[in-house]
């Protein structure tokens, strides 16, 4: 019932990114 916030910091060739996502 609680909450969490996940963060992901990206570095490097970020200009080339098309899709960002989360898997588990």
PDBML (XML) file of the C-alpha atoms, coordinates in Angstrom:
<?xml version="1.0" encoding="UTF-8" ?>
<PDBx:datablock datablockName="MODEL"
   xmlns:PDBx="http://pdbml.pdb.org/schema/pdbx-v50.xsd"
   xmlns:xsi="http://www.w3.org/2001/XMLSchema-instance"
   xsi:schemaLocation="http://pdbml.pdb.org/schema/pdbx-v50.xsd pdbx-v50.xsd">
   <PDBx:atom_siteCategory>
      <PDBx:atom_site id="1">
         <PDBx:B_iso_or_equiv>0.00</PDBx:B_iso_or_equiv>
         <PDBx:Cartn_x>0.000</PDBx:Cartn_x>
         <PDBx:Cartn_y>0.000</PDBx:Cartn_y>
         <PDBx:Cartn_z>0.000</PDBx:Cartn_z>
         <PDBx:auth_asym_id>A</PDBx:auth_asym_id>
         <PDBx:auth_atom_id>CA</PDBx:auth_atom_id>
         <PDBx:auth_comp_id>UNK</PDBx:auth_comp_id>
         <PDBx:auth_seq_id>1</PDBx:auth_seq_id>
         <PDBx:group_PDB>ATOM</PDBx:group_PDB>
         <PDBx:label_alt_id xsi:nil="true" />
         <PDBx:label_asym_id>A</PDBx:label_asym_id>
         <PDBx:label_atom_id>CA</PDBx:label_atom_id>
         <PDBx:label_comp_id>UNK</PDBx:label_comp_id>
         <PDBx:label_entity_id>1</PDBx:label_entity_id>
         <PDBx:label_seq_id>1</PDBx:label_seq_id>
         <PDBx:occupancy>1.00</PDBx:occupancy>
         <PDBx:pdbx_PDB_model_num>1</PDBx:pdbx_PDB_model_num>
         <PDBx:type_symbol>C</PDBx:type_symbol>
      </PDBx:atom_site>
      <PDBx:atom_site id="2">
         <PDBx:B_iso_or_equiv>0.00</PDBx:B_iso_or_equiv>
         <PDBx:Cartn_x>2.995</PDBx:Cartn_x>
         <PDBx:Cartn_y>2.269</PDBx:Cartn_y>
         <PDBx:Cartn_z>0.290</PDBx:Cartn_z>
         <PDBx:auth_asym_id>A</PDBx:auth_asym_id>
         <PDBx:auth_atom_id>CA</PDBx:auth_atom_id>
         <PDBx:auth_comp_id>UNK</PDBx:auth_comp_id>
         <PDBx:auth_seq_id>2</PDBx:auth_seq_id>
         <PDBx:group_PDB>ATOM</PDBx:group_PDB>
         <PDBx:label_alt_id xsi:nil="true" />
         <PDBx:label_asym_id>A</PDBx:label_asym_id>
         <PDBx:label_atom_id>CA</PDBx:label_atom_id>
         <PDBx:label_comp_id>UNK</PDBx:label_comp_id>
         <PDBx:label_entity_id>1</PDBx:label_entity_id>
         <PDBx:label_seq_id>2</PDBx:label_seq_id>
         <PDBx:occupancy>1.00</PDBx:occupancy>
         <PDBx:pdbx_PDB_model_num>1</PDBx:pdbx_PDB_model_num>
         <PDBx:type_symbol>C</PDBx:type_symbol>
      </PDBx:atom_site>
      <PDBx:atom_site id="3">
         <PDBx:B_iso_or_equiv>0.00</PDBx:B_iso_or_equiv>
         <PDBx:Cartn_x>4.924</PDBx:Cartn_x>
         <PDBx:Cartn_y>4.232</PDBx:Cartn_y>
         <PDBx:Cartn_z>-2.312</PDBx:Cartn_z>
         <PDBx:auth_asym_id>A</PDBx:auth_asym_id>
         <PDBx:auth_atom_id>CA</PDBx:auth_atom_id>
         <PDBx:auth_comp_id>UNK</PDBx:auth_comp_id>
         <PDBx:auth_seq_id>3</PDBx:auth_seq_id>
         <PDBx:group_PDB>ATOM</PDBx:group_PDB>
         <PDBx:label_alt_id xsi:nil="true" />
         <PDBx:label_asym_id>A</PDBx:label_asym_id>
         <PDBx:label_atom_id>CA</PDBx:label_atom_id>
         <PDBx:label_comp_id>UNK</PDBx:label_comp_id>
         <PDBx:label_entity_id>1</PDBx:label_entity_id>
         <PDBx:label_seq_id>3</PDBx:label_seq_id>
         <PDBx:occupancy>1.00</PDBx:occupancy>
         <PDBx:pdbx_PDB_model_num>1</PDBx:pdbx_PDB_model_num>
         <PDBx:type_symbol>C</PDBx:type_symbol>
      </PDBx:atom_site>
      <PDBx:atom_site id="4">
         <PDBx:B_iso_or_equiv>0.00</PDBx:B_iso_or_equiv>
         <PDBx:Cartn_x>8.443</PDBx:Cartn_x>
         <PDBx:Cartn_y>4.428</PDBx:Cartn_y>
         <PDBx:Cartn_z>-3.654</PDBx:Cartn_z>
         <PDBx:auth_asym_id>A</PDBx:auth_asym_id>
         <PDBx:auth_atom_id>CA</PDBx:auth_atom_id>
         <PDBx:auth_comp_id>UNK</PDBx:auth_comp_id>
         <PDBx:auth_seq_id>4</PDBx:auth_seq_id>
         <PDBx:group_PDB>ATOM</PDBx:group_PDB>
         <PDBx:label_alt_id xsi:nil="true" />
         <PDBx:label_asym_id>A</PDBx:label_asym_id>
         <PDBx:label_atom_id>CA</PDBx:label_atom_id>
         <PDBx:label_comp_id>UNK</PDBx:label_comp_id>
         <PDBx:label_entity_id>1</PDBx:label_entity_id>
         <PDBx:label_seq_id>4</PDBx:label_seq_id>
         <PDBx:occupancy>1.00</PDBx:occupancy>
         <PDBx:pdbx_PDB_model_num>1</PDBx:pdbx_PDB_model_num>
         <PDBx:type_symbol>C</PDBx:type_symbol>
      </PDBx:atom_site>
      <PDBx:atom_site id="5">
         <PDBx:B_iso_or_equiv>0.00</PDBx:B_iso_or_equiv>
         <PDBx:Cartn_x>10.060</PDBx:Cartn_x>
         <PDBx:Cartn_y>6.602</PDBx:Cartn_y>
         <PDBx:Cartn_z>-6.303</PDBx:Cartn_z>
         <PDBx:auth_asym_id>A</PDBx:auth_asym_id>
         <PDBx:auth_atom_id>CA</PDBx:auth_atom_id>
         <PDBx:auth_comp_id>UNK</PDBx:auth_comp_id>
         <PDBx:auth_seq_id>5</PDBx:auth_seq_id>
         <PDBx:group_PDB>ATOM</PDBx:group_PDB>
         <PDBx:label_alt_id xsi:nil="true" />
         <PDBx:label_asym_id>A</PDBx:label_asym_id>
         <PDBx:label_atom_id>CA</PDBx:label_atom_id>
         <PDBx:label_comp_id>UNK</PDBx:label_comp_id>
         <PDBx:label_entity_id>1</PDBx:label_entity_id>
         <PDBx:label_seq_id>5</PDBx:label_seq_id>
         <PDBx:occupancy>1.00</PDBx:occupancy>
         <PDBx:pdbx_PDB_model_num>1</PDBx:pdbx_PDB_model_num>
         <PDBx:type_symbol>C</PDBx:type_symbol>
      </PDBx:atom_site>
      <PDBx:atom_site id="6">
         <PDBx:B_iso_or_equiv>0.00</PDBx:B_iso_or_equiv>
         <PDBx:Cartn_x>12.832</PDBx:Cartn_x>
         <PDBx:Cartn_y>5.170</PDBx:Cartn_y>
         <PDBx:Cartn_z>-8.417</PDBx:Cartn_z>
         <PDBx:auth_asym_id>A</PDBx:auth_asym_id>
         <PDBx:auth_atom_id>CA</PDBx:auth_atom_id>
         <PDBx:auth_comp_id>UNK</PDBx:auth_comp_id>
         <PDBx:auth_seq_id>6</PDBx:auth_seq_id>
         <PDBx:group_PDB>ATOM</PDBx:group_PDB>
         <PDBx:label_alt_id xsi:nil="true" />
         <PDBx:label_asym_id>A</PDBx:label_asym_id>
         <PDBx:label_atom_id>CA</PDBx:label_atom_id>
         <PDBx:label_comp_id>UNK</PDBx:label_comp_id>
         <PDBx:label_entity_id>1</PDBx:label_entity_id>
         <PDBx:label_seq_id>6</PDBx:label_seq_id>
         <PDBx:occupancy>1.00</PDBx:occupancy>
         <PDBx:pdbx_PDB_model_num>1</PDBx:pdbx_PDB_model_num>
         <PDBx:type_symbol>C</PDBx:type_symbol>
      </PDBx:atom_site>
      <PDBx:atom_site id="7">
         <PDBx:B_iso_or_equiv>0.00</PDBx:B_iso_or_equiv>
         <PDBx:Cartn_x>15.301</PDBx:Cartn_x>
         <PDBx:Cartn_y>7.408</PDBx:Cartn_y>
         <PDBx:Cartn_z>-10.196</PDBx:Cartn_z>
         <PDBx:auth_asym_id>A</PDBx:auth_asym_id>
         <PDBx:auth_atom_id>CA</PDBx:auth_atom_id>
         <PDBx:auth_comp_id>UNK</PDBx:auth_comp_id>
         <PDBx:auth_seq_id>7</PDBx:auth_seq_id>
         <PDBx:group_PDB>ATOM</PDBx:group_PDB>
         <PDBx:label_alt_id xsi:nil="true" />
         <PDBx:label_asym_id>A</PDBx:label_asym_id>
         <PDBx:label_atom_id>CA</PDBx:label_atom_id>
         <PDBx:label_comp_id>UNK</PDBx:label_comp_id>
         <PDBx:label_entity_id>1</PDBx:label_entity_id>
         <PDBx:label_seq_id>7</PDBx:label_seq_id>
         <PDBx:occupancy>1.00</PDBx:occupancy>
         <PDBx:pdbx_PDB_model_num>1</PDBx:pdbx_PDB_model_num>
         <PDBx:type_symbol>C</PDBx:type_symbol>
      </PDBx:atom_site>
      <PDBx:atom_site id="8">
         <PDBx:B_iso_or_equiv>0.00</PDBx:B_iso_or_equiv>
         <PDBx:Cartn_x>17.707</PDBx:Cartn_x>
         <PDBx:Cartn_y>6.653</PDBx:Cartn_y>
         <PDBx:Cartn_z>-13.010</PDBx:Cartn_z>
         <PDBx:auth_asym_id>A</PDBx:auth_asym_id>
         <PDBx:auth_atom_id>CA</PDBx:auth_atom_id>
         <PDBx:auth_comp_id>UNK</PDBx:auth_comp_id>
         <PDBx:auth_seq_id>8</PDBx:auth_seq_id>
         <PDBx:group_PDB>ATOM</PDBx:group_PDB>
         <PDBx:label_alt_id xsi:nil="true" />
         <PDBx:label_asym_id>A</PDBx:label_asym_id>
         <PDBx:label_atom_id>CA</PDBx:label_atom_id>
         <PDBx:label_comp_id>UNK</PDBx:label_comp_id>
         <PDBx:label_entity_id>1</PDBx:label_entity_id>
         <PDBx:label_seq_id>8</PDBx:label_seq_id>
         <PDBx:occupancy>1.00</PDBx:occupancy>
         <PDBx:pdbx_PDB_model_num>1</PDBx:pdbx_PDB_model_num>
         <PDBx:type_symbol>C</PDBx:type_symbol>
      </PDBx:atom_site>
      <PDBx:atom_site id="9">
         <PDBx:B_iso_or_equiv>0.00</PDBx:B_iso_or_equiv>
         <PDBx:Cartn_x>20.442</PDBx:Cartn_x>
         <PDBx:Cartn_y>9.075</PDBx:Cartn_y>
         <PDBx:Cartn_z>-13.980</PDBx:Cartn_z>
         <PDBx:auth_asym_id>A</PDBx:auth_asym_id>
         <PDBx:auth_atom_id>CA</PDBx:auth_atom_id>
         <PDBx:auth_comp_id>UNK</PDBx:auth_comp_id>
         <PDBx:auth_seq_id>9</PDBx:auth_seq_id>
         <PDBx:group_PDB>ATOM</PDBx:group_PDB>
         <PDBx:label_alt_id xsi:nil="true" />
         <PDBx:label_asym_id>A</PDBx:label_asym_id>
         <PDBx:label_atom_id>CA</PDBx:label_atom_id>
         <PDBx:label_comp_id>UNK</PDBx:label_comp_id>
         <PDBx:label_entity_id>1</PDBx:label_entity_id>
         <PDBx:label_seq_id>9</PDBx:label_seq_id>
         <PDBx:occupancy>1.00</PDBx:occupancy>
         <PDBx:pdbx_PDB_model_num>1</PDBx:pdbx_PDB_model_num>
         <PDBx:type_symbol>C</PDBx:type_symbol>
      </PDBx:atom_site>
      <PDBx:atom_site id="10">
         <PDBx:B_iso_or_equiv>0.00</PDBx:B_iso_or_equiv>
         <PDBx:Cartn_x>21.739</PDBx:Cartn_x>
         <PDBx:Cartn_y>8.797</PDBx:Cartn_y>
         <PDBx:Cartn_z>-17.520</PDBx:Cartn_z>
         <PDBx:auth_asym_id>A</PDBx:auth_asym_id>
         <PDBx:auth_atom_id>CA</PDBx:auth_atom_id>
         <PDBx:auth_comp_id>UNK</PDBx:auth_comp_id>
         <PDBx:auth_seq_id>10</PDBx:auth_seq_id>
         <PDBx:group_PDB>ATOM</PDBx:group_PDB>
         <PDBx:label_alt_id xsi:nil="true" />
         <PDBx:label_asym_id>A</PDBx:label_asym_id>
         <PDBx:label_atom_id>CA</PDBx:label_atom_id>
         <PDBx:label_comp_id>UNK</PDBx:label_comp_id>
         <PDBx:label_entity_id>1</PDBx:label_entity_id>
         <PDBx:label_seq_id>10</PDBx:label_seq_id>
         <PDBx:occupancy>1.00</PDBx:occupancy>
         <PDBx:pdbx_PDB_model_num>1</PDBx:pdbx_PDB_model_num>
         <PDBx:type_symbol>C</PDBx:type_symbol>
      </PDBx:atom_site>
      <PDBx:atom_site id="11">
         <PDBx:B_iso_or_equiv>0.00</PDBx:B_iso_or_equiv>
         <PDBx:Cartn_x>25.057</PDBx:Cartn_x>
         <PDBx:Cartn_y>10.081</PDBx:Cartn_y>
         <PDBx:Cartn_z>-18.763</PDBx:Cartn_z>
         <PDBx:auth_asym_id>A</PDBx:auth_asym_id>
         <PDBx:auth_atom_id>CA</PDBx:auth_atom_id>
         <PDBx:auth_comp_id>UNK</PDBx:auth_comp_id>
         <PDBx:auth_seq_id>11</PDBx:auth_seq_id>
         <PDBx:group_PDB>ATOM</PDBx:group_PDB>
         <PDBx:label_alt_id xsi:nil="true" />
         <PDBx:label_asym_id>A</PDBx:label_asym_id>
         <PDBx:label_atom_id>CA</PDBx:label_atom_id>
         <PDBx:label_comp_id>UNK</PDBx:label_comp_id>
         <PDBx:label_entity_id>1</PDBx:label_entity_id>
         <PDBx:label_seq_id>11</PDBx:label_seq_id>
         <PDBx:occupancy>1.00</PDBx:occupancy>
         <PDBx:pdbx_PDB_model_num>1</PDBx:pdbx_PDB_model_num>
         <PDBx:type_symbol>C</PDBx:type_symbol>
      </PDBx:atom_site>
      <PDBx:atom_site id="12">
         <PDBx:B_iso_or_equiv>0.00</PDBx:B_iso_or_equiv>
         <PDBx:Cartn_x>27.131</PDBx:Cartn_x>
         <PDBx:Cartn_y>9.765</PDBx:Cartn_y>
         <PDBx:Cartn_z>-21.908</PDBx:Cartn_z>
         <PDBx:auth_asym_id>A</PDBx:auth_asym_id>
         <PDBx:auth_atom_id>CA</PDBx:auth_atom_id>
         <PDBx:auth_comp_id>UNK</PDBx:auth_comp_id>
         <PDBx:auth_seq_id>12</PDBx:auth_seq_id>
         <PDBx:group_PDB>ATOM</PDBx:group_PDB>
         <PDBx:label_alt_id xsi:nil="true" />
         <PDBx:label_asym_id>A</PDBx:label_asym_id>
         <PDBx:label_atom_id>CA</PDBx:label_atom_id>
         <PDBx:label_comp_id>UNK</PDBx:label_comp_id>
         <PDBx:label_entity_id>1</PDBx:label_entity_id>
         <PDBx:label_seq_id>12</PDBx:label_seq_id>
         <PDBx:occupancy>1.00</PDBx:occupancy>
         <PDBx:pdbx_PDB_model_num>1</PDBx:pdbx_PDB_model_num>
         <PDBx:type_symbol>C</PDBx:type_symbol>
      </PDBx:atom_site>
      <PDBx:atom_site id="13">
         <PDBx:B_iso_or_equiv>0.00</PDBx:B_iso_or_equiv>
         <PDBx:Cartn_x>25.503</PDBx:Cartn_x>
         <PDBx:Cartn_y>9.797</PDBx:Cartn_y>
         <PDBx:Cartn_z>-25.330</PDBx:Cartn_z>
         <PDBx:auth_asym_id>A</PDBx:auth_asym_id>
         <PDBx:auth_atom_id>CA</PDBx:auth_atom_id>
         <PDBx:auth_comp_id>UNK</PDBx:auth_comp_id>
         <PDBx:auth_seq_id>13</PDBx:auth_seq_id>
         <PDBx:group_PDB>ATOM</PDBx:group_PDB>
         <PDBx:label_alt_id xsi:nil="true" />
         <PDBx:label_asym_id>A</PDBx:label_asym_id>
         <PDBx:label_atom_id>CA</PDBx:label_atom_id>
         <PDBx:label_comp_id>UNK</PDBx:label_comp_id>
         <PDBx:label_entity_id>1</PDBx:label_entity_id>
         <PDBx:label_seq_id>13</PDBx:label_seq_id>
         <PDBx:occupancy>1.00</PDBx:occupancy>
         <PDBx:pdbx_PDB_model_num>1</PDBx:pdbx_PDB_model_num>
         <PDBx:type_symbol>C</PDBx:type_symbol>
      </PDBx:atom_site>
      <PDBx:atom_site id="14">
         <PDBx:B_iso_or_equiv>0.00</PDBx:B_iso_or_equiv>
         <PDBx:Cartn_x>22.071</PDBx:Cartn_x>
         <PDBx:Cartn_y>10.826</PDBx:Cartn_y>
         <PDBx:Cartn_z>-24.047</PDBx:Cartn_z>
         <PDBx:auth_asym_id>A</PDBx:auth_asym_id>
         <PDBx:auth_atom_id>CA</PDBx:auth_atom_id>
         <PDBx:auth_comp_id>UNK</PDBx:auth_comp_id>
         <PDBx:auth_seq_id>14</PDBx:auth_seq_id>
         <PDBx:group_PDB>ATOM</PDBx:group_PDB>
         <PDBx:label_alt_id xsi:nil="true" />
         <PDBx:label_asym_id>A</PDBx:label_asym_id>
         <PDBx:label_atom_id>CA</PDBx:label_atom_id>
         <PDBx:label_comp_id>UNK</PDBx:label_comp_id>
         <PDBx:label_entity_id>1</PDBx:label_entity_id>
         <PDBx:label_seq_id>14</PDBx:label_seq_id>
         <PDBx:occupancy>1.00</PDBx:occupancy>
         <PDBx:pdbx_PDB_model_num>1</PDBx:pdbx_PDB_model_num>
         <PDBx:type_symbol>C</PDBx:type_symbol>
      </PDBx:atom_site>
      <PDBx:atom_site id="15">
         <PDBx:B_iso_or_equiv>0.00</PDBx:B_iso_or_equiv>
         <PDBx:Cartn_x>21.361</PDBx:Cartn_x>
         <PDBx:Cartn_y>12.688</PDBx:Cartn_y>
         <PDBx:Cartn_z>-27.281</PDBx:Cartn_z>
         <PDBx:auth_asym_id>A</PDBx:auth_asym_id>
         <PDBx:auth_atom_id>CA</PDBx:auth_atom_id>
         <PDBx:auth_comp_id>UNK</PDBx:auth_comp_id>
         <PDBx:auth_seq_id>15</PDBx:auth_seq_id>
         <PDBx:group_PDB>ATOM</PDBx:group_PDB>
         <PDBx:label_alt_id xsi:nil="true" />
         <PDBx:label_asym_id>A</PDBx:label_asym_id>
         <PDBx:label_atom_id>CA</PDBx:label_atom_id>
         <PDBx:label_comp_id>UNK</PDBx:label_comp_id>
         <PDBx:label_entity_id>1</PDBx:label_entity_id>
         <PDBx:label_seq_id>15</PDBx:label_seq_id>
         <PDBx:occupancy>1.00</PDBx:occupancy>
         <PDBx:pdbx_PDB_model_num>1</PDBx:pdbx_PDB_model_num>
         <PDBx:type_symbol>C</PDBx:type_symbol>
      </PDBx:atom_site>
      <PDBx:atom_site id="16">
         <PDBx:B_iso_or_equiv>0.00</PDBx:B_iso_or_equiv>
         <PDBx:Cartn_x>20.987</PDBx:Cartn_x>
         <PDBx:Cartn_y>9.283</PDBx:Cartn_y>
         <PDBx:Cartn_z>-28.935</PDBx:Cartn_z>
         <PDBx:auth_asym_id>A</PDBx:auth_asym_id>
         <PDBx:auth_atom_id>CA</PDBx:auth_atom_id>
         <PDBx:auth_comp_id>UNK</PDBx:auth_comp_id>
         <PDBx:auth_seq_id>16</PDBx:auth_seq_id>
         <PDBx:group_PDB>ATOM</PDBx:group_PDB>
         <PDBx:label_alt_id xsi:nil="true" />
         <PDBx:label_asym_id>A</PDBx:label_asym_id>
         <PDBx:label_atom_id>CA</PDBx:label_atom_id>
         <PDBx:label_comp_id>UNK</PDBx:label_comp_id>
         <PDBx:label_entity_id>1</PDBx:label_entity_id>
         <PDBx:label_seq_id>16</PDBx:label_seq_id>
         <PDBx:occupancy>1.00</PDBx:occupancy>
         <PDBx:pdbx_PDB_model_num>1</PDBx:pdbx_PDB_model_num>
         <PDBx:type_symbol>C</PDBx:type_symbol>
      </PDBx:atom_site>
      <PDBx:atom_site id="17">
         <PDBx:B_iso_or_equiv>0.00</PDBx:B_iso_or_equiv>
         <PDBx:Cartn_x>18.269</PDBx:Cartn_x>
         <PDBx:Cartn_y>8.041</PDBx:Cartn_y>
         <PDBx:Cartn_z>-26.569</PDBx:Cartn_z>
         <PDBx:auth_asym_id>A</PDBx:auth_asym_id>
         <PDBx:auth_atom_id>CA</PDBx:auth_atom_id>
         <PDBx:auth_comp_id>UNK</PDBx:auth_comp_id>
         <PDBx:auth_seq_id>17</PDBx:auth_seq_id>
         <PDBx:group_PDB>ATOM</PDBx:group_PDB>
         <PDBx:label_alt_id xsi:nil="true" />
         <PDBx:label_asym_id>A</PDBx:label_asym_id>
         <PDBx:label_atom_id>CA</PDBx:label_atom_id>
         <PDBx:label_comp_id>UNK</PDBx:label_comp_id>
         <PDBx:label_entity_id>1</PDBx:label_entity_id>
         <PDBx:label_seq_id>17</PDBx:label_seq_id>
         <PDBx:occupancy>1.00</PDBx:occupancy>
         <PDBx:pdbx_PDB_model_num>1</PDBx:pdbx_PDB_model_num>
         <PDBx:type_symbol>C</PDBx:type_symbol>
      </PDBx:atom_site>
      <PDBx:atom_site id="18">
         <PDBx:B_iso_or_equiv>0.00</PDBx:B_iso_or_equiv>
         <PDBx:Cartn_x>14.942</PDBx:Cartn_x>
         <PDBx:Cartn_y>7.055</PDBx:Cartn_y>
         <PDBx:Cartn_z>-28.139</PDBx:Cartn_z>
         <PDBx:auth_asym_id>A</PDBx:auth_asym_id>
         <PDBx:auth_atom_id>CA</PDBx:auth_atom_id>
         <PDBx:auth_comp_id>UNK</PDBx:auth_comp_id>
         <PDBx:auth_seq_id>18</PDBx:auth_seq_id>
         <PDBx:group_PDB>ATOM</PDBx:group_PDB>
         <PDBx:label_alt_id xsi:nil="true" />
         <PDBx:label_asym_id>A</PDBx:label_asym_id>
         <PDBx:label_atom_id>CA</PDBx:label_atom_id>
         <PDBx:label_comp_id>UNK</PDBx:label_comp_id>
         <PDBx:label_entity_id>1</PDBx:label_entity_id>
         <PDBx:label_seq_id>18</PDBx:label_seq_id>
         <PDBx:occupancy>1.00</PDBx:occupancy>
         <PDBx:pdbx_PDB_model_num>1</PDBx:pdbx_PDB_model_num>
         <PDBx:type_symbol>C</PDBx:type_symbol>
      </PDBx:atom_site>
      <PDBx:atom_site id="19">
         <PDBx:B_iso_or_equiv>0.00</PDBx:B_iso_or_equiv>
         <PDBx:Cartn_x>13.176</PDBx:Cartn_x>
         <PDBx:Cartn_y>5.230</PDBx:Cartn_y>
         <PDBx:Cartn_z>-25.315</PDBx:Cartn_z>
         <PDBx:auth_asym_id>A</PDBx:auth_asym_id>
         <PDBx:auth_atom_id>CA</PDBx:auth_atom_id>
         <PDBx:auth_comp_id>UNK</PDBx:auth_comp_id>
         <PDBx:auth_seq_id>19</PDBx:auth_seq_id>
         <PDBx:group_PDB>ATOM</PDBx:group_PDB>
         <PDBx:label_alt_id xsi:nil="true" />
         <PDBx:label_asym_id>A</PDBx:label_asym_id>
         <PDBx:label_atom_id>CA</PDBx:label_atom_id>
         <PDBx:label_comp_id>UNK</PDBx:label_comp_id>
         <PDBx:label_entity_id>1</PDBx:label_entity_id>
         <PDBx:label_seq_id>19</PDBx:label_seq_id>
         <PDBx:occupancy>1.00</PDBx:occupancy>
         <PDBx:pdbx_PDB_model_num>1</PDBx:pdbx_PDB_model_num>
         <PDBx:type_symbol>C</PDBx:type_symbol>
      </PDBx:atom_site>
      <PDBx:atom_site id="20">
         <PDBx:B_iso_or_equiv>0.00</PDBx:B_iso_or_equiv>
         <PDBx:Cartn_x>13.679</PDBx:Cartn_x>
         <PDBx:Cartn_y>5.228</PDBx:Cartn_y>
         <PDBx:Cartn_z>-21.551</PDBx:Cartn_z>
         <PDBx:auth_asym_id>A</PDBx:auth_asym_id>
         <PDBx:auth_atom_id>CA</PDBx:auth_atom_id>
         <PDBx:auth_comp_id>UNK</PDBx:auth_comp_id>
         <PDBx:auth_seq_id>20</PDBx:auth_seq_id>
         <PDBx:group_PDB>ATOM</PDBx:group_PDB>
         <PDBx:label_alt_id xsi:nil="true" />
         <PDBx:label_asym_id>A</PDBx:label_asym_id>
         <PDBx:label_atom_id>CA</PDBx:label_atom_id>
         <PDBx:label_comp_id>UNK</PDBx:label_comp_id>
         <PDBx:label_entity_id>1</PDBx:label_entity_id>
         <PDBx:label_seq_id>20</PDBx:label_seq_id>
         <PDBx:occupancy>1.00</PDBx:occupancy>
         <PDBx:pdbx_PDB_model_num>1</PDBx:pdbx_PDB_model_num>
         <PDBx:type_symbol>C</PDBx:type_symbol>
      </PDBx:atom_site>
      <PDBx:atom_site id="21">
         <PDBx:B_iso_or_equiv>0.00</PDBx:B_iso_or_equiv>
         <PDBx:Cartn_x>12.038</PDBx:Cartn_x>
         <PDBx:Cartn_y>2.683</PDBx:Cartn_y>
         <PDBx:Cartn_z>-19.343</PDBx:Cartn_z>
         <PDBx:auth_asym_id>A</PDBx:auth_asym_id>
         <PDBx:auth_atom_id>CA</PDBx:auth_atom_id>
         <PDBx:auth_comp_id>UNK</PDBx:auth_comp_id>
         <PDBx:auth_seq_id>21</PDBx:auth_seq_id>
         <PDBx:group_PDB>ATOM</PDBx:group_PDB>
         <PDBx:label_alt_id xsi:nil="true" />
         <PDBx:label_asym_id>A</PDBx:label_asym_id>
         <PDBx:label_atom_id>CA</PDBx:label_atom_id>
         <PDBx:label_comp_id>UNK</PDBx:label_comp_id>
         <PDBx:label_entity_id>1</PDBx:label_entity_id>
         <PDBx:label_seq_id>21</PDBx:label_seq_id>
         <PDBx:occupancy>1.00</PDBx:occupancy>
         <PDBx:pdbx_PDB_model_num>1</PDBx:pdbx_PDB_model_num>
         <PDBx:type_symbol>C</PDBx:type_symbol>
      </PDBx:atom_site>
      <PDBx:atom_site id="22">
         <PDBx:B_iso_or_equiv>0.00</PDBx:B_iso_or_equiv>
         <PDBx:Cartn_x>11.926</PDBx:Cartn_x>
         <PDBx:Cartn_y>0.365</PDBx:Cartn_y>
         <PDBx:Cartn_z>-16.386</PDBx:Cartn_z>
         <PDBx:auth_asym_id>A</PDBx:auth_asym_id>
         <PDBx:auth_atom_id>CA</PDBx:auth_atom_id>
         <PDBx:auth_comp_id>UNK</PDBx:auth_comp_id>
         <PDBx:auth_seq_id>22</PDBx:auth_seq_id>
         <PDBx:group_PDB>ATOM</PDBx:group_PDB>
         <PDBx:label_alt_id xsi:nil="true" />
         <PDBx:label_asym_id>A</PDBx:label_asym_id>
         <PDBx:label_atom_id>CA</PDBx:label_atom_id>
         <PDBx:label_comp_id>UNK</PDBx:label_comp_id>
         <PDBx:label_entity_id>1</PDBx:label_entity_id>
         <PDBx:label_seq_id>22</PDBx:label_seq_id>
         <PDBx:occupancy>1.00</PDBx:occupancy>
         <PDBx:pdbx_PDB_model_num>1</PDBx:pdbx_PDB_model_num>
         <PDBx:type_symbol>C</PDBx:type_symbol>
      </PDBx:atom_site>
      <PDBx:atom_site id="23">
         <PDBx:B_iso_or_equiv>0.00</PDBx:B_iso_or_equiv>
         <PDBx:Cartn_x>11.911</PDBx:Cartn_x>
         <PDBx:Cartn_y>-3.387</PDBx:Cartn_y>
         <PDBx:Cartn_z>-16.285</PDBx:Cartn_z>
         <PDBx:auth_asym_id>A</PDBx:auth_asym_id>
         <PDBx:auth_atom_id>CA</PDBx:auth_atom_id>
         <PDBx:auth_comp_id>UNK</PDBx:auth_comp_id>
         <PDBx:auth_seq_id>23</PDBx:auth_seq_id>
         <PDBx:group_PDB>ATOM</PDBx:group_PDB>
         <PDBx:label_alt_id xsi:nil="true" />
         <PDBx:label_asym_id>A</PDBx:label_asym_id>
         <PDBx:label_atom_id>CA</PDBx:label_atom_id>
         <PDBx:label_comp_id>UNK</PDBx:label_comp_id>
         <PDBx:label_entity_id>1</PDBx:label_entity_id>
         <PDBx:label_seq_id>23</PDBx:label_seq_id>
         <PDBx:occupancy>1.00</PDBx:occupancy>
         <PDBx:pdbx_PDB_model_num>1</PDBx:pdbx_PDB_model_num>
         <PDBx:type_symbol>C</PDBx:type_symbol>
      </PDBx:atom_site>
      <PDBx:atom_site id="24">
         <PDBx:B_iso_or_equiv>0.00</PDBx:B_iso_or_equiv>
         <PDBx:Cartn_x>11.762</PDBx:Cartn_x>
         <PDBx:Cartn_y>-5.714</PDBx:Cartn_y>
         <PDBx:Cartn_z>-13.313</PDBx:Cartn_z>
         <PDBx:auth_asym_id>A</PDBx:auth_asym_id>
         <PDBx:auth_atom_id>CA</PDBx:auth_atom_id>
         <PDBx:auth_comp_id>UNK</PDBx:auth_comp_id>
         <PDBx:auth_seq_id>24</PDBx:auth_seq_id>
         <PDBx:group_PDB>ATOM</PDBx:group_PDB>
         <PDBx:label_alt_id xsi:nil="true" />
         <PDBx:label_asym_id>A</PDBx:label_asym_id>
         <PDBx:label_atom_id>CA</PDBx:label_atom_id>
         <PDBx:label_comp_id>UNK</PDBx:label_comp_id>
         <PDBx:label_entity_id>1</PDBx:label_entity_id>
         <PDBx:label_seq_id>24</PDBx:label_seq_id>
         <PDBx:occupancy>1.00</PDBx:occupancy>
         <PDBx:pdbx_PDB_model_num>1</PDBx:pdbx_PDB_model_num>
         <PDBx:type_symbol>C</PDBx:type_symbol>
      </PDBx:atom_site>
   </PDBx:atom_siteCategory>
</PDBx:datablock>
